[in-house]
Amino acid sequence: MKATASGVRHRFAPALVARLPNAGIWLRYNFMMSADHREPPSSPEQEARDRRAANIFLLVAGAVLVAIGIWLANAMVDARRADECLSSGRRNCAPIEAPQR
């Protein structure tokens, strides 16, 4: 490691860090952090809980996307039917229900 003017020790050569100007603070923080400051590895139980939560989230997100796709397809079919009706010259393509008097 090499000390810099700011007193921060870098694992990479300063030239490599200088070539990555858009990498941001995360890159420098993640790769230059010493091993004693990193969080300890998760337990297998914690990893299983995290995987389960991620799977549930992905399942719900997938179901929402499928529901949106079905709604969009039905809306497109209805629009096509209305367009075909109007193109044929009819006027009562979307009747309005009126209460009986």
N, C-alpha and C. Protein backbone atom coordinates (compact mmCIF):
# COMPACT_ATOMS: atom_id res chain seq x y z
N MET A 1 0.84 -1.18 0.00
CA MET A 1 0.00 0.00 0.00
C MET A 1 0.88 1.24 0.00
N LYS A 2 0.33 2.26 -0.56
CA LYS A 2 1.09 3.49 -0.71
C LYS A 2 0.32 4.64 -0.06
N ALA A 3 0.99 5.44 0.75
CA ALA A 3 0.35 6.57 1.41
C ALA A 3 0.24 7.74 0.44
N THR A 4 -0.86 8.44 0.53
CA THR A 4 -1.07 9.61 -0.34
C THR A 4 -0.97 10.87 0.50
N ALA A 5 -1.14 12.01 -0.16
CA ALA A 5 -1.05 13.29 0.52
C ALA A 5 -2.16 13.45 1.55
N SER A 6 -3.32 12.81 1.29
CA SER A 6 -4.42 12.93 2.24
C SER A 6 -4.27 11.98 3.42
N GLY A 7 -3.27 11.12 3.38
CA GLY A 7 -3.05 10.20 4.48
C GLY A 7 -3.79 8.88 4.32
N VAL A 8 -4.56 8.72 3.25
CA VAL A 8 -5.31 7.49 3.01
C VAL A 8 -4.40 6.51 2.29
N ARG A 9 -4.42 5.29 2.74
CA ARG A 9 -3.59 4.27 2.09
C ARG A 9 -4.40 3.61 0.97
N HIS A 10 -3.78 3.47 -0.19
CA HIS A 10 -4.42 2.86 -1.34
C HIS A 10 -3.78 1.53 -1.65
N ARG A 11 -4.59 0.55 -2.03
CA ARG A 11 -4.06 -0.74 -2.45
C ARG A 11 -3.62 -0.69 -3.90
N PHE A 12 -4.23 0.19 -4.70
CA PHE A 12 -3.90 0.31 -6.10
C PHE A 12 -2.89 1.44 -6.29
N ALA A 13 -2.21 1.37 -7.39
CA ALA A 13 -1.29 2.45 -7.72
C ALA A 13 -2.10 3.71 -7.98
N PRO A 14 -1.60 4.88 -7.64
CA PRO A 14 -2.34 6.12 -7.87
C PRO A 14 -2.70 6.31 -9.34
N ALA A 15 -1.88 5.78 -10.26
CA ALA A 15 -2.17 5.93 -11.68
C ALA A 15 -3.46 5.20 -12.05
N LEU A 16 -3.70 4.04 -11.46
CA LEU A 16 -4.92 3.28 -11.75
C LEU A 16 -6.14 4.02 -11.22
N VAL A 17 -6.06 4.57 -10.03
CA VAL A 17 -7.16 5.33 -9.47
C VAL A 17 -7.41 6.58 -10.30
N ALA A 18 -6.34 7.20 -10.82
CA ALA A 18 -6.49 8.40 -11.64
C ALA A 18 -7.17 8.07 -12.97
N ARG A 19 -7.01 6.84 -13.47
CA ARG A 19 -7.64 6.45 -14.73
C ARG A 19 -9.12 6.16 -14.56
N LEU A 20 -9.62 6.09 -13.36
CA LEU A 20 -11.02 5.79 -13.10
C LEU A 20 -11.73 6.99 -12.48
N PRO A 21 -11.81 8.12 -13.17
CA PRO A 21 -12.39 9.32 -12.54
C PRO A 21 -13.89 9.19 -12.31
N ASN A 22 -14.61 8.41 -13.11
CA ASN A 22 -16.05 8.30 -12.96
C ASN A 22 -16.46 7.15 -12.06
N ALA A 23 -15.50 6.49 -11.45
CA ALA A 23 -15.81 5.34 -10.62
C ALA A 23 -16.52 5.75 -9.34
N GLY A 24 -16.26 6.91 -8.86
CA GLY A 24 -16.96 7.43 -7.70
C GLY A 24 -16.38 6.95 -6.38
N ILE A 25 -17.03 7.38 -5.33
CA ILE A 25 -16.57 7.08 -3.98
C ILE A 25 -16.73 5.60 -3.67
N TRP A 26 -17.81 4.97 -4.19
CA TRP A 26 -18.06 3.56 -3.86
C TRP A 26 -16.89 2.68 -4.26
N LEU A 27 -16.36 2.89 -5.47
CA LEU A 27 -15.24 2.06 -5.92
C LEU A 27 -14.04 2.24 -5.01
N ARG A 28 -13.75 3.48 -4.70
CA ARG A 28 -12.59 3.73 -3.85
C ARG A 28 -12.82 3.18 -2.44
N TYR A 29 -14.04 3.33 -1.92
CA TYR A 29 -14.34 2.85 -0.58
C TYR A 29 -14.32 1.33 -0.53
N ASN A 30 -14.93 0.70 -1.52
CA ASN A 30 -15.06 -0.74 -1.51
C ASN A 30 -13.71 -1.43 -1.69
N PHE A 31 -12.89 -0.98 -2.62
CA PHE A 31 -11.65 -1.67 -2.91
C PHE A 31 -10.48 -1.23 -2.03
N MET A 32 -10.61 -0.10 -1.39
CA MET A 32 -9.50 0.39 -0.60
C MET A 32 -9.73 0.27 0.89
N MET A 33 -10.82 -0.30 1.27
CA MET A 33 -11.12 -0.46 2.68
C MET A 33 -10.29 -1.62 3.22
N SER A 34 -9.74 -1.49 4.37
CA SER A 34 -8.92 -2.56 4.92
C SER A 34 -9.81 -3.70 5.38
N ALA A 35 -9.23 -4.87 5.51
CA ALA A 35 -9.99 -6.09 5.82
C ALA A 35 -10.66 -6.01 7.19
N ASP A 36 -10.09 -5.30 8.16
CA ASP A 36 -10.67 -5.25 9.50
C ASP A 36 -11.92 -4.37 9.56
N HIS A 37 -12.19 -3.55 8.53
CA HIS A 37 -13.39 -2.72 8.52
C HIS A 37 -14.55 -3.35 7.77
N ARG A 38 -14.31 -4.46 7.11
CA ARG A 38 -15.39 -5.12 6.38
C ARG A 38 -16.27 -5.88 7.34
N GLU A 39 -17.57 -6.00 6.96
CA GLU A 39 -18.50 -6.71 7.84
C GLU A 39 -18.25 -8.21 7.75
N PRO A 40 -18.52 -8.93 8.83
CA PRO A 40 -18.26 -10.37 8.83
C PRO A 40 -19.23 -11.08 7.89
N PRO A 41 -18.85 -12.26 7.41
CA PRO A 41 -19.73 -13.00 6.52
C PRO A 41 -21.03 -13.39 7.23
N SER A 42 -22.11 -13.47 6.46
CA SER A 42 -23.41 -13.80 7.03
C SER A 42 -23.47 -15.28 7.40
N SER A 43 -24.35 -15.56 8.33
CA SER A 43 -24.55 -16.96 8.71
C SER A 43 -25.42 -17.63 7.65
N PRO A 44 -25.38 -18.96 7.56
CA PRO A 44 -26.23 -19.66 6.58
C PRO A 44 -27.72 -19.37 6.78
N GLU A 45 -28.15 -19.21 8.03
CA GLU A 45 -29.56 -18.90 8.28
C GLU A 45 -29.93 -17.53 7.72
N GLN A 46 -29.05 -16.56 7.91
CA GLN A 46 -29.29 -15.22 7.39
C GLN A 46 -29.31 -15.23 5.87
N GLU A 47 -28.40 -15.98 5.26
CA GLU A 47 -28.38 -16.07 3.80
C GLU A 47 -29.65 -16.72 3.28
N ALA A 48 -30.15 -17.74 3.97
CA ALA A 48 -31.39 -18.40 3.56
C ALA A 48 -32.57 -17.44 3.67
N ARG A 49 -32.61 -16.65 4.75
CA ARG A 49 -33.68 -15.65 4.89
C ARG A 49 -33.61 -14.60 3.78
N ASP A 50 -32.41 -14.16 3.46
CA ASP A 50 -32.24 -13.17 2.40
C ASP A 50 -32.68 -13.73 1.05
N ARG A 51 -32.30 -14.99 0.77
CA ARG A 51 -32.71 -15.62 -0.49
C ARG A 51 -34.23 -15.77 -0.56
N ARG A 52 -34.82 -16.18 0.57
CA ARG A 52 -36.27 -16.36 0.61
C ARG A 52 -36.99 -15.03 0.37
N ALA A 53 -36.52 -13.98 1.01
CA ALA A 53 -37.12 -12.66 0.82
C ALA A 53 -36.96 -12.19 -0.62
N ALA A 54 -35.80 -12.41 -1.21
CA ALA A 54 -35.58 -12.02 -2.60
C ALA A 54 -36.48 -12.82 -3.53
N ASN A 55 -36.64 -14.11 -3.27
CA ASN A 55 -37.51 -14.93 -4.11
C ASN A 55 -38.97 -14.49 -4.02
N ILE A 56 -39.42 -14.16 -2.82
CA ILE A 56 -40.80 -13.69 -2.65
C ILE A 56 -40.99 -12.37 -3.39
N PHE A 57 -40.04 -11.47 -3.25
CA PHE A 57 -40.12 -10.19 -3.95
C PHE A 57 -40.17 -10.39 -5.46
N LEU A 58 -39.32 -11.28 -5.99
CA LEU A 58 -39.31 -11.52 -7.43
C LEU A 58 -40.60 -12.18 -7.90
N LEU A 59 -41.16 -13.06 -7.08
CA LEU A 59 -42.43 -13.70 -7.43
C LEU A 59 -43.55 -12.66 -7.52
N VAL A 60 -43.61 -11.78 -6.53
CA VAL A 60 -44.64 -10.73 -6.53
C VAL A 60 -44.43 -9.78 -7.72
N ALA A 61 -43.19 -9.40 -7.97
CA ALA A 61 -42.90 -8.51 -9.10
C ALA A 61 -43.28 -9.18 -10.42
N GLY A 62 -42.99 -10.46 -10.56
CA GLY A 62 -43.37 -11.18 -11.77
C GLY A 62 -44.87 -11.26 -11.94
N ALA A 63 -45.59 -11.51 -10.84
CA ALA A 63 -47.06 -11.57 -10.91
C ALA A 63 -47.64 -10.22 -11.31
N VAL A 64 -47.08 -9.14 -10.78
CA VAL A 64 -47.54 -7.80 -11.14
C VAL A 64 -47.29 -7.53 -12.62
N LEU A 65 -46.12 -7.92 -13.12
CA LEU A 65 -45.82 -7.72 -14.53
C LEU A 65 -46.76 -8.52 -15.43
N VAL A 66 -47.07 -9.76 -15.05
CA VAL A 66 -48.00 -10.57 -15.82
C VAL A 66 -49.39 -9.94 -15.81
N ALA A 67 -49.83 -9.47 -14.66
CA ALA A 67 -51.15 -8.83 -14.56
C ALA A 67 -51.21 -7.58 -15.44
N ILE A 68 -50.16 -6.78 -15.43
CA ILE A 68 -50.12 -5.58 -16.27
C ILE A 68 -50.14 -5.98 -17.75
N GLY A 69 -49.43 -7.03 -18.10
CA GLY A 69 -49.43 -7.50 -19.48
C GLY A 69 -50.80 -7.97 -19.94
N ILE A 70 -51.50 -8.71 -19.08
CA ILE A 70 -52.85 -9.16 -19.41
C ILE A 70 -53.80 -7.97 -19.57
N TRP A 71 -53.73 -7.02 -18.64
CA TRP A 71 -54.57 -5.83 -18.73
C TRP A 71 -54.29 -5.06 -20.02
N LEU A 72 -53.02 -4.90 -20.37
CA LEU A 72 -52.64 -4.18 -21.58
C LEU A 72 -53.14 -4.89 -22.84
N ALA A 73 -53.02 -6.22 -22.87
CA ALA A 73 -53.50 -6.98 -24.02
C ALA A 73 -55.02 -6.84 -24.17
N ASN A 74 -55.75 -6.91 -23.06
CA ASN A 74 -57.21 -6.73 -23.12
C ASN A 74 -57.58 -5.32 -23.58
N ALA A 75 -56.87 -4.33 -23.12
CA ALA A 75 -57.14 -2.95 -23.54
C ALA A 75 -56.88 -2.78 -25.03
N MET A 76 -55.84 -3.42 -25.53
CA MET A 76 -55.54 -3.33 -26.96
C MET A 76 -56.61 -4.04 -27.79
N VAL A 77 -57.13 -5.18 -27.32
CA VAL A 77 -58.19 -5.89 -28.03
C VAL A 77 -59.45 -5.03 -28.06
N ASP A 78 -59.80 -4.42 -26.94
CA ASP A 78 -60.98 -3.55 -26.90
C ASP A 78 -60.83 -2.36 -27.84
N ALA A 79 -59.64 -1.77 -27.88
CA ALA A 79 -59.40 -0.63 -28.77
C ALA A 79 -59.50 -1.07 -30.23
N ARG A 80 -58.98 -2.26 -30.54
CA ARG A 80 -59.07 -2.76 -31.91
C ARG A 80 -60.52 -2.99 -32.32
N ARG A 81 -61.32 -3.57 -31.41
CA ARG A 81 -62.74 -3.80 -31.70
C ARG A 81 -63.47 -2.48 -31.95
N ALA A 82 -63.20 -1.47 -31.12
CA ALA A 82 -63.84 -0.17 -31.30
C ALA A 82 -63.40 0.46 -32.62
N ASP A 83 -62.13 0.31 -32.97
CA ASP A 83 -61.63 0.88 -34.23
C ASP A 83 -62.28 0.19 -35.43
N GLU A 84 -62.40 -1.14 -35.37
CA GLU A 84 -63.04 -1.88 -36.46
C GLU A 84 -64.51 -1.48 -36.60
N CYS A 85 -65.18 -1.27 -35.47
CA CYS A 85 -66.58 -0.86 -35.48
C CYS A 85 -66.73 0.52 -36.12
N LEU A 86 -65.87 1.45 -35.72
CA LEU A 86 -65.94 2.80 -36.28
C LEU A 86 -65.55 2.81 -37.75
N SER A 87 -64.60 1.96 -38.14
CA SER A 87 -64.16 1.91 -39.53
C SER A 87 -65.26 1.38 -40.45
N SER A 88 -66.13 0.54 -39.91
CA SER A 88 -67.22 -0.01 -40.74
C SER A 88 -68.36 0.98 -40.90
N GLY A 89 -68.32 2.11 -40.23
CA GLY A 89 -69.31 3.16 -40.40
C GLY A 89 -70.44 3.13 -39.38
N ARG A 90 -70.37 2.26 -38.43
CA ARG A 90 -71.43 2.22 -37.41
C ARG A 90 -71.23 3.35 -36.41
N ARG A 91 -72.33 3.74 -35.76
CA ARG A 91 -72.25 4.83 -34.79
C ARG A 91 -72.42 4.36 -33.36
N ASN A 92 -73.00 3.22 -33.15
CA ASN A 92 -73.29 2.75 -31.79
C ASN A 92 -72.24 1.72 -31.36
N CYS A 93 -70.97 2.09 -31.44
CA CYS A 93 -69.89 1.15 -31.14
C CYS A 93 -69.66 0.97 -29.65
N ALA A 94 -69.92 1.98 -28.89
CA ALA A 94 -69.75 1.92 -27.44
C ALA A 94 -71.04 2.41 -26.79
N PRO A 95 -72.04 1.55 -26.70
CA PRO A 95 -73.32 2.02 -26.17
C PRO A 95 -73.20 2.42 -24.69
N ILE A 96 -73.96 3.41 -24.32
CA ILE A 96 -74.01 3.90 -22.94
C ILE A 96 -75.28 3.35 -22.31
N GLU A 97 -75.12 2.73 -21.18
CA GLU A 97 -76.27 2.17 -20.45
C GLU A 97 -77.03 3.32 -19.79
N ALA A 98 -78.29 3.43 -20.11
CA ALA A 98 -79.14 4.47 -19.50
C ALA A 98 -80.16 3.80 -18.58
N PRO A 99 -80.44 4.40 -17.44
CA PRO A 99 -81.43 3.79 -16.54
C PRO A 99 -82.82 3.82 -17.17
N GLN A 100 -83.62 2.81 -16.86
CA GLN A 100 -84.99 2.72 -17.37
C GLN A 100 -85.86 3.77 -16.69
N ARG A 101 -86.76 4.40 -17.43
CA ARG A 101 -87.66 5.41 -16.86
C ARG A 101 -89.00 4.83 -16.58
